[in-house]
Protein backbone atom coordinates (compact mmCIF):
# COMPACT_ATOMS: atom_id res chain seq x y z
CA MET A 1 73.48 91.82 127.00
CA PRO A 2 74.49 94.87 129.09
CA ARG A 3 73.89 98.36 127.41
CA ALA A 4 75.69 101.25 127.55
CA THR A 5 73.82 104.35 126.93
CA PHE A 6 75.92 107.67 125.99
CA TYR A 7 74.11 111.18 126.74
CA VAL A 8 76.40 113.97 124.97
CA HIS A 9 76.64 117.60 125.05
CA ILE A 10 74.83 118.12 128.46
CA THR A 11 75.01 121.50 129.71
CA ASP A 12 73.45 120.87 133.18
CA PRO A 13 74.66 117.62 134.37
CA ALA A 14 72.73 117.77 137.53
CA ALA A 15 69.36 118.45 136.05
CA PHE A 16 69.92 115.78 133.64
CA ALA A 17 71.02 113.34 136.34
CA CYS A 18 67.82 114.13 138.17
CA LYS A 19 66.03 113.56 135.28
CA LEU A 20 67.35 110.09 134.07
CA THR A 21 67.15 109.04 137.92
CA ARG A 22 63.48 110.17 137.83
CA ARG A 23 62.82 108.15 134.22
CA ALA A 24 64.46 105.02 135.89
CA CYS A 25 63.21 104.95 139.10
CA GLY A 26 59.40 105.10 137.22
CA GLN A 27 60.24 102.50 134.94
CA ASN A 28 60.71 100.18 138.41
CA GLU A 29 64.82 100.11 137.76
CA ARG A 30 66.93 99.33 140.43
CA LEU A 31 69.24 102.39 140.14
CA LEU A 32 73.05 103.19 141.55
CA ILE A 33 74.08 106.49 140.83
CA TRP A 34 78.31 106.55 140.86
CA CYS A 35 79.14 110.16 141.79
CA GLY A 36 83.20 111.27 141.82
CA SER A 37 82.81 112.49 145.38
CA GLU A 38 81.52 112.63 148.40
CA ALA A 39 81.09 116.55 147.64
CA GLU A 40 78.93 115.72 144.41
CA MET A 41 76.89 112.55 145.82
CA HIS A 42 75.35 115.43 148.61
CA ARG A 43 75.10 118.11 146.40
CA LEU A 44 73.06 115.24 144.14
CA ASP A 45 71.13 114.07 147.13
CA LYS A 46 70.02 117.37 147.98
CA GLU A 47 68.75 118.28 144.42
CA LEU A 48 67.08 114.57 144.27
CA TRP A 49 65.04 115.79 147.60
CA GLN A 50 63.81 118.94 146.04
CA ASP A 51 63.40 118.33 141.99
CA PRO A 52 60.72 118.94 141.58
CA PRO A 53 59.90 121.36 144.03
CA GLU A 54 56.59 119.93 144.42
CA SER A 55 57.84 116.13 145.15
CA PHE A 56 60.60 114.25 146.12
CA LEU A 57 62.35 111.27 144.85
CA PRO A 58 63.08 108.98 147.50
CA HIS A 59 66.73 107.50 147.87
CA GLU A 60 69.47 106.58 150.51
CA ILE A 61 73.56 107.17 150.27
CA TRP A 62 75.26 103.87 150.41
CA PHE A 63 78.88 103.97 152.13
CA GLU A 64 81.24 100.92 151.42
CA GLY A 65 81.42 98.43 153.99
CA HIS A 66 77.67 98.56 154.59
CA PRO A 67 74.87 96.24 153.35
CA TYR A 68 73.72 97.32 149.82
CA PRO A 69 70.06 99.23 150.52
CA GLN A 70 67.56 96.29 149.42
CA ASP A 71 64.17 98.64 149.74
CA ALA A 72 65.74 101.78 147.63
CA ALA A 73 64.95 102.36 144.18
CA ALA A 74 67.98 104.99 144.10
CA VAL A 75 71.24 104.65 145.48
CA LEU A 76 74.04 106.93 145.63
CA ALA A 77 77.49 105.69 145.97
CA CYS A 78 80.89 106.77 145.48
CA GLY A 79 84.59 105.50 146.18
CA ASN A 80 87.64 104.34 144.79
CA ARG A 81 86.87 100.79 143.28
CA LEU A 82 83.51 99.51 141.66
CA PRO A 83 81.43 97.89 144.11
CA SER A 84 79.62 94.69 143.61
CA LEU A 85 76.07 95.28 142.94
CA PRO A 86 73.01 93.33 142.86
CA GLU A 87 72.10 91.65 139.62
CA GLY A 88 69.84 93.60 137.38
CA THR A 89 71.23 97.02 138.67
CA VAL A 90 71.51 99.93 136.13
CA VAL A 91 74.40 102.36 136.84
CA LEU A 92 74.13 106.30 136.15
CA ASN A 93 77.83 106.86 136.24
CA LEU A 94 78.97 110.53 136.75
CA THR A 95 82.46 109.59 136.98
CA ASP A 96 85.26 108.60 134.50
CA ASP A 97 84.89 105.05 135.84
CA PHE A 98 84.82 102.14 133.34
CA TRP A 99 81.81 99.83 134.11
CA HIS A 100 82.97 96.92 131.68
CA THR A 101 84.81 95.37 134.27
CA ALA A 102 82.30 95.08 137.02
CA GLN A 103 81.18 91.80 138.60
CA PRO A 104 78.62 91.35 137.86
CA LEU A 105 78.12 93.59 135.01
CA PRO A 106 75.71 96.16 135.20
CA GLN A 107 72.18 95.56 133.49
CA ARG A 108 72.79 99.19 131.92
CA VAL A 109 75.26 101.83 132.13
CA LEU A 110 73.84 105.60 131.41
CA GLU A 111 76.46 108.64 130.99
CA ILE A 112 76.20 111.78 131.07
CA VAL A 113 78.74 113.57 128.88
CA GLY A 114 79.02 117.43 128.98
CA ASN A 115 80.71 119.42 126.15
CA SER A 116 84.42 120.03 127.30
CA PRO A 117 87.20 118.46 125.06
CA ASP A 118 88.37 116.24 127.97
CA GLU A 119 84.59 115.16 128.98
CA LEU A 120 84.20 114.00 124.96
CA ALA A 121 87.50 112.29 124.85
CA GLY A 122 86.86 110.40 128.26
CA ALA A 123 83.63 109.54 126.92
CA ARG A 124 84.97 107.97 123.40
CA GLU A 125 87.49 105.84 125.56
CA ARG A 126 84.40 104.50 127.85
CA PHE A 127 82.46 104.03 124.52
CA ARG A 128 85.14 101.97 123.06
CA ALA A 129 85.81 99.90 126.23
CA TYR A 130 81.93 98.96 126.57
CA ARG A 131 81.88 98.24 122.82
CA ASP A 132 84.53 96.17 122.46
CA ALA A 133 83.48 94.19 126.30
CA GLY A 134 80.23 93.35 124.48
CA PHE A 135 77.89 95.79 125.57
CA THR A 136 75.15 97.46 123.28
CA VAL A 137 76.02 100.87 122.89
CA GLU A 138 73.47 103.63 122.60
CA HIS A 139 74.83 107.36 121.41
CA HIS A 140 72.25 110.48 122.48
CA ASN A 141 73.50 113.72 121.00
CA MET A 142 71.39 116.18 123.37
CA GLN A 143 73.36 119.37 121.72
CA GLY A 144 70.28 121.82 121.69
CA LYS A 145 67.66 119.76 123.48
CA ALA A 146 65.80 120.82 126.73
CA VAL A 147 66.65 118.62 129.78
């Protein structure tokens, strides 16, 4: 059964995205980082190469219409429609997109949610959609916790 994990009240989404990416790759999970725009994708690409400063996290950028990178543990992408992914992929969703309708379904969806009322309202909608689609849904309140 697929899972959706929400991390809410995140003050620095980019830093938290890097942390989740490192954790997922450390657990040998195949990760797609779904960005809201090419600009966001390139900013995160740069941060993944520099954070932490003494290391880097190998990853690739994937553009629709090209073959999915098979050897990359982490893949960054964006687009107007959800792509078809290799089975067992974990999605780090940095957008308002709903992954409960993707085919095939991701193994897990990670959602990073900030503090604004709009972000929290959107997250509540996605939470209900995942739950109603049969996902196991987890919620972690990160308010006051270190990244």
